[in-house]
Amino acid sequence: MAAAHLLDCSDMTSISPTAVREAPHSHAHDTATIRVLWIALALTAVFALIEALGGWLAGSLALISDAGHMVTDAASFVVALIATAVASRPPSQRASYGYARAEVLAAFVNALAMLALIVWIAVEAVRRLLAPEPVSGPVVMAVAAGGLAINIIVAFLLVRSGDGINARGALLHVFGDLLGSVAALVAGAVIYATGWLPIDPILSLVVALLILRSTFALLRQSTRVLMEQVPAHLSYDAIGNALAATPGVTGVHDLHIWNMSAECVALSAHVALEDGSAWPRVLASAQRLLIADFGIEHVTLQPSWPAPPRNGRVIPVAPAGQDDTGRTPHRH
């Protein structure tokens, strides 16, 4: 009994005519994204040095933490560029799925870097609250204003470049840094106007808390892909029951749903049939169902009859109204 396969996400020869027509546009889009990442890297790296120097001269934790943000921004751009280059490599004998998941790994690393930075900012802010240090308000305001302008430009470029997981990861860094620039600007203004030094570490803590939620969201998303969990926007039970309700199907088992890359979802399952000769019709119906209702294009289905195997590795999904043995339960 041969398995039936539909559409490999990394194989252009099996992609629909619509996808083929869109391929040149996708390539041009990827090229534009790479160009934007290089521009963002140059702007961010240069100003990170300026801001770190300004923070050291002014004695401002808000500026130093913002410079740290910009350093991780630059690192995220480097990782994104490397991941983009790796992900574009075709499948090989050693990597049959290709390298598309490299961008997910890069996003995971970016999220970990942000968590480490947040911890450092929190520790340093508490230390400065306990032992305030002098801060030059005018210098902080001038440097923070420049950082704010750079971050707005970089964020604008990234928003226009695309919405892949790596671009979202880089954009998360930039938004966090933009908040840091605003906080540093406010801290400098308050210190200049009132001389109240605790505002500098307090606003640094506020920024760290604001970006913590988004960082966890990116970490959770990339972890789900790396752990090959069911994509968050899909329901395992709904897909299993929909397949099991296909005419001619008596049950579904060994159902697996996972992300091959950040965007491409794959599915494999064993389908139990009433009659093996009905398999071509059942396969076509299942393929249409999975694409139309769930957007799953990379599908591998294995027919089996008259009954699924029974062992500890089976994950049975019975049709609606039946139990996992395929029998309709008695109603009392």
C-alpha atoms as a PDB file:
ATOM      1  CA  MET A   1       0.000   0.000   0.000  1.00  0.00           C
ATOM      2  CA  ALA A   2       1.825   3.092  -1.213  1.00  0.00           C
ATOM      3  CA  ALA A   3       1.550   6.381   0.576  1.00  0.00           C
ATOM      4  CA  ALA A   4       0.124   9.328  -1.337  1.00  0.00           C
ATOM      5  CA  HIS A   5       2.013  12.588  -1.288  1.00  0.00           C
ATOM      6  CA  LEU A   6       0.889  16.087  -2.223  1.00  0.00           C
ATOM      7  CA  LEU A   7       3.052  19.203  -2.615  1.00  0.00           C
ATOM      8  CA  ASP A   8       6.477  19.438  -1.061  1.00  0.00           C
ATOM      9  CA  CYS A   9       6.919  23.008   0.198  1.00  0.00           C
ATOM     10  CA  SER A  10      10.546  22.978  -0.907  1.00  0.00           C
ATOM     11  CA  ASP A  11       9.900  21.447  -4.335  1.00  0.00           C
ATOM     12  CA  MET A  12       8.928  23.964  -6.994  1.00  0.00           C
ATOM     13  CA  THR A  13       8.149  21.218  -9.515  1.00  0.00           C
ATOM     14  CA  SER A  14       5.050  20.218  -7.549  1.00  0.00           C
ATOM     15  CA  ILE A  15       3.745  23.699  -6.796  1.00  0.00           C
ATOM     16  CA  SER A  16       0.504  24.835  -8.369  1.00  0.00           C
ATOM     17  CA  PRO A  17       0.508  27.136 -11.439  1.00  0.00           C
ATOM     18  CA  THR A  18      -0.577  30.039  -9.251  1.00  0.00           C
ATOM     19  CA  ALA A  19       2.409  29.551  -6.945  1.00  0.00           C
ATOM     20  CA  VAL A  20       4.738  29.326  -9.941  1.00  0.00           C
ATOM     21  CA  ARG A  21       3.427  32.595 -11.301  1.00  0.00           C
ATOM     22  CA  GLU A  22       4.072  34.188  -7.912  1.00  0.00           C
ATOM     23  CA  ALA A  23       7.645  32.831  -7.632  1.00  0.00           C
ATOM     24  CA  PRO A  24       9.409  35.787  -9.371  1.00  0.00           C
ATOM     25  CA  HIS A  25       7.578  38.189  -7.083  1.00  0.00           C
ATOM     26  CA  SER A  26       8.639  36.126  -4.048  1.00  0.00           C
ATOM     27  CA  HIS A  27      12.285  36.168  -5.179  1.00  0.00           C
ATOM     28  CA  ALA A  28      12.195  39.950  -5.676  1.00  0.00           C
ATOM     29  CA  HIS A  29      10.568  40.290  -2.251  1.00  0.00           C
ATOM     30  CA  ASP A  30      13.355  38.233  -0.624  1.00  0.00           C
ATOM     31  CA  THR A  31      16.005  40.362  -2.357  1.00  0.00           C
ATOM     32  CA  ALA A  32      14.372  43.555  -1.072  1.00  0.00           C
ATOM     33  CA  THR A  33      14.239  42.111   2.440  1.00  0.00           C
ATOM     34  CA  ILE A  34      17.954  41.279   2.380  1.00  0.00           C
ATOM     35  CA  ARG A  35      18.771  44.793   1.194  1.00  0.00           C
ATOM     36  CA  VAL A  36      16.694  46.289   4.012  1.00  0.00           C
ATOM     37  CA  LEU A  37      18.433  44.069   6.578  1.00  0.00           C
ATOM     38  CA  TRP A  38      21.850  45.272   5.393  1.00  0.00           C
ATOM     39  CA  ILE A  39      20.760  48.929   5.636  1.00  0.00           C
ATOM     40  CA  ALA A  40      19.264  48.331   9.081  1.00  0.00           C
ATOM     41  CA  LEU A  41      22.433  46.577  10.232  1.00  0.00           C
ATOM     42  CA  ALA A  42      24.653  49.483   9.162  1.00  0.00           C
ATOM     43  CA  LEU A  43      22.461  52.166  10.748  1.00  0.00           C
ATOM     44  CA  THR A  44      21.955  50.236  13.984  1.00  0.00           C
ATOM     45  CA  ALA A  45      25.575  49.161  14.502  1.00  0.00           C
ATOM     46  CA  VAL A  46      26.977  52.670  13.979  1.00  0.00           C
ATOM     47  CA  PHE A  47      24.500  54.360  16.289  1.00  0.00           C
ATOM     48  CA  ALA A  48      24.864  51.661  18.944  1.00  0.00           C
ATOM     49  CA  LEU A  49      28.496  52.733  19.321  1.00  0.00           C
ATOM     50  CA  ILE A  50      27.479  56.398  19.498  1.00  0.00           C
ATOM     51  CA  GLU A  51      24.789  55.698  22.084  1.00  0.00           C
ATOM     52  CA  ALA A  52      27.041  53.504  24.235  1.00  0.00           C
ATOM     53  CA  LEU A  53      29.653  56.267  24.292  1.00  0.00           C
ATOM     54  CA  GLY A  54      26.998  58.870  25.090  1.00  0.00           C
ATOM     55  CA  GLY A  55      25.562  56.743  27.889  1.00  0.00           C
ATOM     56  CA  TRP A  56      29.012  56.237  29.416  1.00  0.00           C
ATOM     57  CA  LEU A  57      29.783  59.972  29.288  1.00  0.00           C
ATOM     58  CA  ALA A  58      26.344  60.939  30.648  1.00  0.00           C
ATOM     59  CA  GLY A  59      26.229  58.137  33.246  1.00  0.00           C
ATOM     60  CA  SER A  60      22.776  57.080  32.014  1.00  0.00           C
ATOM     61  CA  LEU A  61      21.550  53.496  32.402  1.00  0.00           C
ATOM     62  CA  ALA A  62      18.638  54.305  30.100  1.00  0.00           C
ATOM     63  CA  LEU A  63      21.073  55.205  27.321  1.00  0.00           C
ATOM     64  CA  ILE A  64      23.378  52.271  28.011  1.00  0.00           C
ATOM     65  CA  SER A  65      20.431  49.840  28.028  1.00  0.00           C
ATOM     66  CA  ASP A  66      19.194  51.388  24.796  1.00  0.00           C
ATOM     67  CA  ALA A  67      22.661  50.925  23.301  1.00  0.00           C
ATOM     68  CA  GLY A  68      22.519  47.309  24.450  1.00  0.00           C
ATOM     69  CA  HIS A  69      19.184  46.995  22.676  1.00  0.00           C
ATOM     70  CA  MET A  70      20.769  48.318  19.509  1.00  0.00           C
ATOM     71  CA  VAL A  71      23.675  45.869  19.783  1.00  0.00           C
ATOM     72  CA  THR A  72      21.203  42.964  19.976  1.00  0.00           C
ATOM     73  CA  ASP A  73      19.328  44.568  17.075  1.00  0.00           C
ATOM     74  CA  ALA A  74      22.509  44.473  15.002  1.00  0.00           C
ATOM     75  CA  ALA A  75      23.115  40.873  16.065  1.00  0.00           C
ATOM     76  CA  SER A  76      19.546  39.951  15.088  1.00  0.00           C
ATOM     77  CA  PHE A  77      20.107  41.448  11.640  1.00  0.00           C
ATOM     78  CA  VAL A  78      23.320  39.455  11.212  1.00  0.00           C
ATOM     79  CA  VAL A  79      21.554  36.251  12.284  1.00  0.00           C
ATOM     80  CA  ALA A  80      18.613  37.049   9.977  1.00  0.00           C
ATOM     81  CA  LEU A  81      20.938  37.565   7.017  1.00  0.00           C
ATOM     82  CA  ILE A  82      22.780  34.306   7.717  1.00  0.00           C
ATOM     83  CA  ALA A  83      19.485  32.444   8.185  1.00  0.00           C
ATOM     84  CA  THR A  84      18.086  33.883   4.940  1.00  0.00           C
ATOM     85  CA  ALA A  85      21.149  32.691   3.038  1.00  0.00           C
ATOM     86  CA  VAL A  86      21.010  29.227   4.632  1.00  0.00           C
ATOM     87  CA  ALA A  87      17.244  28.874   4.194  1.00  0.00           C
ATOM     88  CA  SER A  88      17.533  29.551   0.454  1.00  0.00           C
ATOM     89  CA  ARG A  89      19.693  26.447  -0.056  1.00  0.00           C
ATOM     90  CA  PRO A  90      17.864  23.617  -1.860  1.00  0.00           C
ATOM     91  CA  PRO A  91      17.161  20.214  -0.286  1.00  0.00           C
ATOM     92  CA  SER A  92      19.996  17.714  -0.350  1.00  0.00           C
ATOM     93  CA  GLN A  93      20.628  14.063   0.468  1.00  0.00           C
ATOM     94  CA  ARG A  94      21.584  15.092   4.004  1.00  0.00           C
ATOM     95  CA  ALA A  95      18.770  17.640   4.414  1.00  0.00           C
ATOM     96  CA  SER A  96      15.744  16.277   2.576  1.00  0.00           C
ATOM     97  CA  TYR A  97      13.467  19.052   3.864  1.00  0.00           C
ATOM     98  CA  GLY A  98      15.930  21.790   2.911  1.00  0.00           C
ATOM     99  CA  TYR A  99      17.074  24.492   5.311  1.00  0.00           C
ATOM    100  CA  ALA A 100      13.949  26.616   5.700  1.00  0.00           C
ATOM    101  CA  ARG A 101      13.871  26.020   9.453  1.00  0.00           C
ATOM    102  CA  ALA A 102      17.121  27.985   9.825  1.00  0.00           C
ATOM    103  CA  GLU A 103      15.080  31.183  10.105  1.00  0.00           C
ATOM    104  CA  VAL A 104      13.104  29.676  12.987  1.00  0.00           C
ATOM    105  CA  LEU A 105      16.324  28.795  14.796  1.00  0.00           C
ATOM    106  CA  ALA A 106      17.532  32.363  14.254  1.00  0.00           C
ATOM    107  CA  ALA A 107      14.324  33.753  15.747  1.00  0.00           C
ATOM    108  CA  PHE A 108      14.773  31.454  18.757  1.00  0.00           C
ATOM    109  CA  VAL A 109      18.334  32.747  19.288  1.00  0.00           C
ATOM    110  CA  ASN A 110      17.125  36.349  18.968  1.00  0.00           C
ATOM    111  CA  ALA A 111      14.475  35.775  21.635  1.00  0.00           C
ATOM    112  CA  LEU A 112      17.039  34.264  24.020  1.00  0.00           C
ATOM    113  CA  ALA A 113      19.341  37.257  23.456  1.00  0.00           C
ATOM    114  CA  MET A 114      16.496  39.632  24.326  1.00  0.00           C
ATOM    115  CA  LEU A 115      15.741  37.697  27.526  1.00  0.00           C
ATOM    116  CA  ALA A 116      19.396  37.927  28.580  1.00  0.00           C
ATOM    117  CA  LEU A 117      19.386  41.678  27.926  1.00  0.00           C
ATOM    118  CA  ILE A 118      16.180  42.164  29.924  1.00  0.00           C
ATOM    119  CA  VAL A 119      17.714  40.368  32.908  1.00  0.00           C
ATOM    120  CA  TRP A 120      20.844  42.559  32.754  1.00  0.00           C
ATOM    121  CA  ILE A 121      18.783  45.757  32.571  1.00  0.00           C
ATOM    122  CA  ALA A 122      16.659  44.690  35.552  1.00  0.00           C
ATOM    123  CA  VAL A 123      19.692  43.869  37.713  1.00  0.00           C
ATOM    124  CA  GLU A 124      21.481  47.103  36.825  1.00  0.00           C
ATOM    125  CA  ALA A 125      18.329  49.187  37.369  1.00  0.00           C
ATOM    126  CA  VAL A 126      17.850  47.775  40.878  1.00  0.00           C
ATOM    127  CA  ARG A 127      21.489  48.489  41.682  1.00  0.00           C
ATOM    128  CA  ARG A 128      21.107  52.116  40.566  1.00  0.00           C
ATOM    129  CA  LEU A 129      17.888  52.556  42.491  1.00  0.00           C
ATOM    130  CA  LEU A 130      19.752  51.525  45.631  1.00  0.00           C
ATOM    131  CA  ALA A 131      22.775  53.658  44.797  1.00  0.00           C
ATOM    132  CA  PRO A 132      21.849  56.510  42.377  1.00  0.00           C
ATOM    133  CA  GLU A 133      24.583  57.816  40.093  1.00  0.00           C
ATOM    134  CA  PRO A 134      24.818  61.308  38.516  1.00  0.00           C
ATOM    135  CA  VAL A 135      23.317  61.632  35.022  1.00  0.00           C
ATOM    136  CA  SER A 136      23.723  64.439  32.459  1.00  0.00           C
ATOM    137  CA  GLY A 137      20.201  65.248  31.269  1.00  0.00           C
ATOM    138  CA  PRO A 138      21.096  67.304  28.137  1.00  0.00           C
ATOM    139  CA  VAL A 139      23.475  64.650  26.792  1.00  0.00           C
ATOM    140  CA  VAL A 140      20.897  61.932  27.390  1.00  0.00           C
ATOM    141  CA  MET A 141      18.199  63.882  25.543  1.00  0.00           C
ATOM    142  CA  ALA A 142      20.419  64.649  22.543  1.00  0.00           C
ATOM    143  CA  VAL A 143      21.653  61.084  22.080  1.00  0.00           C
ATOM    144  CA  ALA A 144      18.235  59.564  22.755  1.00  0.00           C
ATOM    145  CA  ALA A 145      16.630  61.806  20.139  1.00  0.00           C
ATOM    146  CA  GLY A 146      19.131  60.579  17.562  1.00  0.00           C
ATOM    147  CA  GLY A 147      18.497  56.965  18.557  1.00  0.00           C
ATOM    148  CA  LEU A 148      14.748  57.474  18.291  1.00  0.00           C
ATOM    149  CA  ALA A 149      15.102  58.800  14.743  1.00  0.00           C
ATOM    150  CA  ILE A 150      17.294  55.868  13.688  1.00  0.00           C
ATOM    151  CA  ASN A 151      14.920  53.322  15.201  1.00  0.00           C
ATOM    152  CA  ILE A 152      11.892  54.857  13.490  1.00  0.00           C
ATOM    153  CA  ILE A 153      13.669  54.655  10.123  1.00  0.00           C
ATOM    154  CA  VAL A 154      14.748  51.039  10.671  1.00  0.00           C
ATOM    155  CA  ALA A 155      11.290  49.985  11.905  1.00  0.00           C
ATOM    156  CA  PHE A 156       9.676  51.588   8.849  1.00  0.00           C
ATOM    157  CA  LEU A 157      12.039  49.735   6.525  1.00  0.00           C
ATOM    158  CA  LEU A 158      11.408  46.379   8.248  1.00  0.00           C
ATOM    159  CA  VAL A 159       7.622  46.784   8.241  1.00  0.00           C
ATOM    160  CA  ARG A 160       7.729  47.324   4.489  1.00  0.00           C
ATOM    161  CA  SER A 161      10.153  44.449   3.876  1.00  0.00           C
ATOM    162  CA  GLY A 162       7.909  41.519   4.860  1.00  0.00           C
ATOM    163  CA  ASP A 163       6.294  39.497   7.635  1.00  0.00           C
ATOM    164  CA  GLY A 164       8.376  36.307   7.944  1.00  0.00           C
ATOM    165  CA  ILE A 165       9.246  35.024  11.401  1.00  0.00           C
ATOM    166  CA  ASN A 166      12.814  36.309  11.135  1.00  0.00           C
ATOM    167  CA  ALA A 167      11.665  39.762  10.023  1.00  0.00           C
ATOM    168  CA  ARG A 168       9.215  39.793  12.943  1.00  0.00           C
ATOM    169  CA  GLY A 169      12.020  38.794  15.290  1.00  0.00           C
ATOM    170  CA  ALA A 170      14.238  41.633  14.057  1.00  0.00           C
ATOM    171  CA  LEU A 171      11.313  44.051  14.222  1.00  0.00           C
ATOM    172  CA  LEU A 172      10.673  43.019  17.826  1.00  0.00           C
ATOM    173  CA  HIS A 173      14.210  44.087  18.697  1.00  0.00           C
ATOM    174  CA  VAL A 174      13.739  47.434  16.968  1.00  0.00           C
ATOM    175  CA  PHE A 175      10.425  48.147  18.701  1.00  0.00           C
ATOM    176  CA  GLY A 176      12.020  47.353  22.029  1.00  0.00           C
ATOM    177  CA  ASP A 177      14.881  49.692  21.207  1.00  0.00           C
ATOM    178  CA  LEU A 178      12.457  52.390  20.070  1.00  0.00           C
ATOM    179  CA  LEU A 179      10.762  52.201  23.468  1.00  0.00           C
ATOM    180  CA  GLY A 180      14.195  52.420  25.054  1.00  0.00           C
ATOM    181  CA  SER A 181      14.959  55.598  23.105  1.00  0.00           C
ATOM    182  CA  VAL A 182      11.674  57.156  24.218  1.00  0.00           C
ATOM    183  CA  ALA A 183      12.376  56.181  27.835  1.00  0.00           C
ATOM    184  CA  ALA A 184      15.895  57.628  27.662  1.00  0.00           C
ATOM    185  CA  LEU A 185      14.539  60.863  26.175  1.00  0.00           C
ATOM    186  CA  VAL A 186      11.945  61.183  28.941  1.00  0.00           C
ATOM    187  CA  ALA A 187      14.522  60.322  31.607  1.00  0.00           C
ATOM    188  CA  GLY A 188      16.905  62.974  30.308  1.00  0.00           C
ATOM    189  CA  ALA A 189      14.152  65.586  30.275  1.00  0.00           C
ATOM    190  CA  VAL A 190      13.042  64.779  33.845  1.00  0.00           C
ATOM    191  CA  ILE A 191      16.611  64.810  35.154  1.00  0.00           C
ATOM    192  CA  TYR A 192      17.355  68.094  33.375  1.00  0.00           C
ATOM    193  CA  ALA A 193      14.147  69.705  34.710  1.00  0.00           C
ATOM    194  CA  THR A 194      14.018  68.311  38.252  1.00  0.00           C
ATOM    195  CA  GLY A 195      17.317  66.538  38.975  1.00  0.00           C
ATOM    196  CA  TRP A 196      15.416  63.400  40.074  1.00  0.00           C
ATOM    197  CA  LEU A 197      17.922  60.603  39.299  1.00  0.00           C
ATOM    198  CA  PRO A 198      15.755  57.489  40.038  1.00  0.00           C
ATOM    199  CA  ILE A 199      13.723  58.186  36.868  1.00  0.00           C
ATOM    200  CA  ASP A 200      16.579  56.762  34.781  1.00  0.00           C
ATOM    201  CA  PRO A 201      16.580  53.188  36.197  1.00  0.00           C
ATOM    202  CA  ILE A 202      12.794  53.230  36.699  1.00  0.00           C
ATOM    203  CA  LEU A 203      12.113  53.878  33.029  1.00  0.00           C
ATOM    204  CA  SER A 204      14.696  51.253  32.103  1.00  0.00           C
ATOM    205  CA  LEU A 205      12.693  48.706  34.106  1.00  0.00           C
ATOM    206  CA  VAL A 206       9.448  49.830  32.443  1.00  0.00           C
ATOM    207  CA  VAL A 207      10.946  49.256  28.991  1.00  0.00           C
ATOM    208  CA  ALA A 208      12.257  45.827  30.022  1.00  0.00           C
ATOM    209  CA  LEU A 209       8.783  44.788  31.192  1.00  0.00           C
ATOM    210  CA  LEU A 210       7.125  46.111  28.034  1.00  0.00           C
ATOM    211  CA  ILE A 211       9.313  44.065  25.707  1.00  0.00           C
ATOM    212  CA  LEU A 212       9.245  40.947  27.906  1.00  0.00           C
ATOM    213  CA  ARG A 213       5.768  39.872  26.723  1.00  0.00           C
ATOM    214  CA  SER A 214       6.609  40.174  23.027  1.00  0.00           C
ATOM    215  CA  THR A 215       9.892  38.361  23.582  1.00  0.00           C
ATOM    216  CA  PHE A 216       8.112  35.443  25.229  1.00  0.00           C
ATOM    217  CA  ALA A 217       5.616  35.362  22.355  1.00  0.00           C
ATOM    218  CA  LEU A 218       8.434  35.055  19.801  1.00  0.00           C
ATOM    219  CA  LEU A 219      10.194  32.444  21.939  1.00  0.00           C
ATOM    220  CA  ARG A 220       6.995  30.416  22.246  1.00  0.00           C
ATOM    221  CA  GLN A 221       6.309  30.603  18.514  1.00  0.00           C
ATOM    222  CA  SER A 222       9.802  29.536  17.470  1.00  0.00           C
ATOM    223  CA  THR A 223       9.874  26.785  20.124  1.00  0.00           C
ATOM    224  CA  ARG A 224       6.607  25.316  18.820  1.00  0.00           C
ATOM    225  CA  VAL A 225       8.139  24.995  15.357  1.00  0.00           C
ATOM    226  CA  LEU A 226      11.424  23.530  16.594  1.00  0.00           C
ATOM    227  CA  MET A 227       9.557  21.014  18.785  1.00  0.00           C
ATOM    228  CA  GLU A 228       7.322  20.112  15.818  1.00  0.00           C
ATOM    229  CA  GLN A 229       4.172  20.836  17.773  1.00  0.00           C
ATOM    230  CA  VAL A 230       0.780  21.291  16.119  1.00  0.00           C
ATOM    231  CA  PRO A 231       0.686  24.876  14.754  1.00  0.00           C
ATOM    232  CA  ALA A 232      -1.164  27.196  17.108  1.00  0.00           C
ATOM    233  CA  HIS A 233      -3.748  28.219  14.495  1.00  0.00           C
ATOM    234  CA  LEU A 234      -4.795  24.605  13.820  1.00  0.00           C
ATOM    235  CA  SER A 235      -6.822  22.128  15.893  1.00  0.00           C
ATOM    236  CA  TYR A 236      -5.583  18.534  15.987  1.00  0.00           C
ATOM    237  CA  ASP A 237      -9.037  17.190  16.871  1.00  0.00           C
ATOM    238  CA  ALA A 238     -10.828  19.248  14.207  1.00  0.00           C
ATOM    239  CA  ILE A 239      -8.486  18.040  11.455  1.00  0.00           C
ATOM    240  CA  GLY A 240      -8.608  14.416  12.621  1.00  0.00           C
ATOM    241  CA  ASN A 241     -12.400  14.399  12.831  1.00  0.00           C
ATOM    242  CA  ALA A 242     -12.739  16.094   9.443  1.00  0.00           C
ATOM    243  CA  LEU A 243     -10.522  13.456   7.829  1.00  0.00           C
ATOM    244  CA  ALA A 244     -12.354  10.639   9.607  1.00  0.00           C
ATOM    245  CA  ALA A 245     -15.693  12.013   8.374  1.00  0.00           C
ATOM    246  CA  THR A 246     -14.594  11.739   4.722  1.00  0.00           C
ATOM    247  CA  PRO A 247     -16.889   9.252   2.890  1.00  0.00           C
ATOM    248  CA  GLY A 248     -15.260   5.812   2.737  1.00  0.00           C
ATOM    249  CA  VAL A 249     -13.035   6.427   5.792  1.00  0.00           C
ATOM    250  CA  THR A 250     -13.588   4.364   8.938  1.00  0.00           C
ATOM    251  CA  GLY A 251     -10.932   6.067  11.087  1.00  0.00           C
ATOM    252  CA  VAL A 252      -7.665   7.974  11.201  1.00  0.00           C
ATOM    253  CA  HIS A 253      -4.604   7.083  13.243  1.00  0.00           C
ATOM    254  CA  ASP A 254      -0.939   8.116  13.550  1.00  0.00           C
ATOM    255  CA  LEU A 255      -1.981  11.654  12.684  1.00  0.00           C
ATOM    256  CA  HIS A 256       0.866  14.164  12.880  1.00  0.00           C
ATOM    257  CA  ILE A 257       0.734  17.899  12.089  1.00  0.00           C
ATOM    258  CA  TRP A 258       3.787  20.141  12.265  1.00  0.00           C
ATOM    259  CA  ASN A 259       5.598  23.133  10.768  1.00  0.00           C
ATOM    260  CA  MET A 260       8.317  22.306   8.259  1.00  0.00           C
ATOM    261  CA  SER A 261       9.260  25.989   8.323  1.00  0.00           C
ATOM    262  CA  ALA A 262       7.720  29.093   9.883  1.00  0.00           C
ATOM    263  CA  GLU A 263       5.039  29.231   7.192  1.00  0.00           C
ATOM    264  CA  CYS A 264       4.737  25.717   5.692  1.00  0.00           C
ATOM    265  CA  VAL A 265       2.540  23.173   7.517  1.00  0.00           C
ATOM    266  CA  ALA A 266       2.923  19.431   6.911  1.00  0.00           C
ATOM    267  CA  LEU A 267       0.613  16.531   7.767  1.00  0.00           C
ATOM    268  CA  SER A 268       0.945  12.759   7.734  1.00  0.00           C
ATOM    269  CA  ALA A 269      -1.626  10.147   8.736  1.00  0.00           C
ATOM    270  CA  HIS A 270      -2.807   6.571   8.265  1.00  0.00           C
ATOM    271  CA  VAL A 271      -6.334   6.395   6.886  1.00  0.00           C
ATOM    272  CA  ALA A 272      -8.444   3.280   7.505  1.00  0.00           C
ATOM    273  CA  LEU A 273     -10.817   2.464   4.623  1.00  0.00           C
ATOM    274  CA  GLU A 274     -13.996   0.475   4.190  1.00  0.00           C
ATOM    275  CA  ASP A 275     -12.818  -0.623   0.735  1.00  0.00           C
ATOM    276  CA  GLY A 276      -9.279  -0.352  -0.619  1.00  0.00           C
ATOM    277  CA  SER A 277     -10.514   0.194  -4.177  1.00  0.00           C
ATOM    278  CA  ALA A 278     -12.049   3.520  -3.071  1.00  0.00           C
ATOM    279  CA  TRP A 279      -8.629   4.946  -2.149  1.00  0.00           C
ATOM    280  CA  PRO A 280      -8.159   7.237  -5.226  1.00  0.00           C
ATOM    281  CA  ARG A 281     -11.520   8.905  -4.555  1.00  0.00           C
ATOM    282  CA  VAL A 282     -10.900   9.153  -0.806  1.00  0.00           C
ATOM    283  CA  LEU A 283      -7.413  10.597  -1.375  1.00  0.00           C
ATOM    284  CA  ALA A 284      -8.709  13.306  -3.702  1.00  0.00           C
ATOM    285  CA  SER A 285     -11.431  14.248  -1.218  1.00  0.00           C
ATOM    286  CA  ALA A 286      -8.958  14.377   1.680  1.00  0.00           C
ATOM    287  CA  GLN A 287      -6.533  16.548  -0.276  1.00  0.00           C
ATOM    288  CA  ARG A 288      -9.251  19.018  -1.210  1.00  0.00           C
ATOM    289  CA  LEU A 289     -10.471  19.106   2.401  1.00  0.00           C
ATOM    290  CA  LEU A 290      -7.031  19.773   3.908  1.00  0.00           C
ATOM    291  CA  ILE A 291      -6.206  22.561   1.456  1.00  0.00           C
ATOM    292  CA  ALA A 292      -9.591  24.277   1.450  1.00  0.00           C
ATOM    293  CA  ASP A 293     -10.443  24.076   5.164  1.00  0.00           C
ATOM    294  CA  PHE A 294      -7.023  24.098   6.844  1.00  0.00           C
ATOM    295  CA  GLY A 295      -4.517  25.430   4.285  1.00  0.00           C
ATOM    296  CA  ILE A 296      -2.323  22.318   4.570  1.00  0.00           C
ATOM    297  CA  GLU A 297      -0.588  21.529   1.283  1.00  0.00           C
ATOM    298  CA  HIS A 298       2.270  19.197   2.241  1.00  0.00           C
ATOM    299  CA  VAL A 299       0.300  16.007   2.878  1.00  0.00           C
ATOM    300  CA  THR A 300       1.332  12.356   3.159  1.00  0.00           C
ATOM    301  CA  LEU A 301      -1.531   9.877   3.626  1.00  0.00           C
ATOM    302  CA  GLN A 302      -1.116   6.107   4.035  1.00  0.00           C
ATOM    303  CA  PRO A 303      -4.207   3.935   3.327  1.00  0.00           C
ATOM    304  CA  SER A 304      -4.893   0.843   5.435  1.00  0.00           C
ATOM    305  CA  TRP A 305      -7.696  -1.708   5.571  1.00  0.00           C
ATOM    306  CA  PRO A 306      -9.637  -3.386   6.951  1.00  0.00           C
ATOM    307  CA  ALA A 307      -8.586  -2.006  10.365  1.00  0.00           C
ATOM    308  CA  PRO A 308      -5.764   0.114  11.861  1.00  0.00           C
ATOM    309  CA  PRO A 309      -2.969  -1.585  13.802  1.00  0.00           C
ATOM    310  CA  ARG A 310      -3.241  -1.676  17.583  1.00  0.00           C
ATOM    311  CA  ASN A 311      -0.173  -0.807  19.643  1.00  0.00           C
ATOM    312  CA  GLY A 312       1.039   1.852  22.012  1.00  0.00           C
ATOM    313  CA  ARG A 313       2.193   4.190  19.238  1.00  0.00           C
ATOM    314  CA  VAL A 314      -1.224   4.613  17.634  1.00  0.00           C
ATOM    315  CA  ILE A 315      -3.081   7.906  18.019  1.00  0.00           C
ATOM    316  CA  PRO A 316      -6.617   6.997  16.908  1.00  0.00           C
ATOM    317  CA  VAL A 317      -9.125   9.572  15.757  1.00  0.00           C
ATOM    318  CA  ALA A 318     -12.607   8.137  15.204  1.00  0.00           C
ATOM    319  CA  PRO A 319     -15.358   9.691  13.052  1.00  0.00           C
ATOM    320  CA  ALA A 320     -17.907  11.844  14.821  1.00  0.00           C
ATOM    321  CA  GLY A 321     -20.447   9.671  16.605  1.00  0.00           C
ATOM    322  CA  GLN A 322     -18.080   6.698  16.947  1.00  0.00           C
ATOM    323  CA  ASP A 323     -15.646   5.606  19.607  1.00  0.00           C
ATOM    324  CA  ASP A 324     -11.957   4.900  18.906  1.00  0.00           C
ATOM    325  CA  THR A 325     -12.754   1.308  17.884  1.00  0.00           C
ATOM    326  CA  GLY A 326     -14.897   2.508  14.987  1.00  0.00           C
ATOM    327  CA  ARG A 327     -18.188   1.336  16.637  1.00  0.00           C
ATOM    328  CA  THR A 328     -21.118   3.610  17.222  1.00  0.00           C
ATOM    329  CA  PRO A 329     -21.598   3.835  20.999  1.00  0.00           C
ATOM    330  CA  HIS A 330     -24.957   2.813  22.506  1.00  0.00           C
ATOM    331  CA  ARG A 331     -27.024   5.645  23.879  1.00  0.00           C
ATOM    332  CA  HIS A 332     -28.932   5.065  27.103  1.00  0.00           C
END
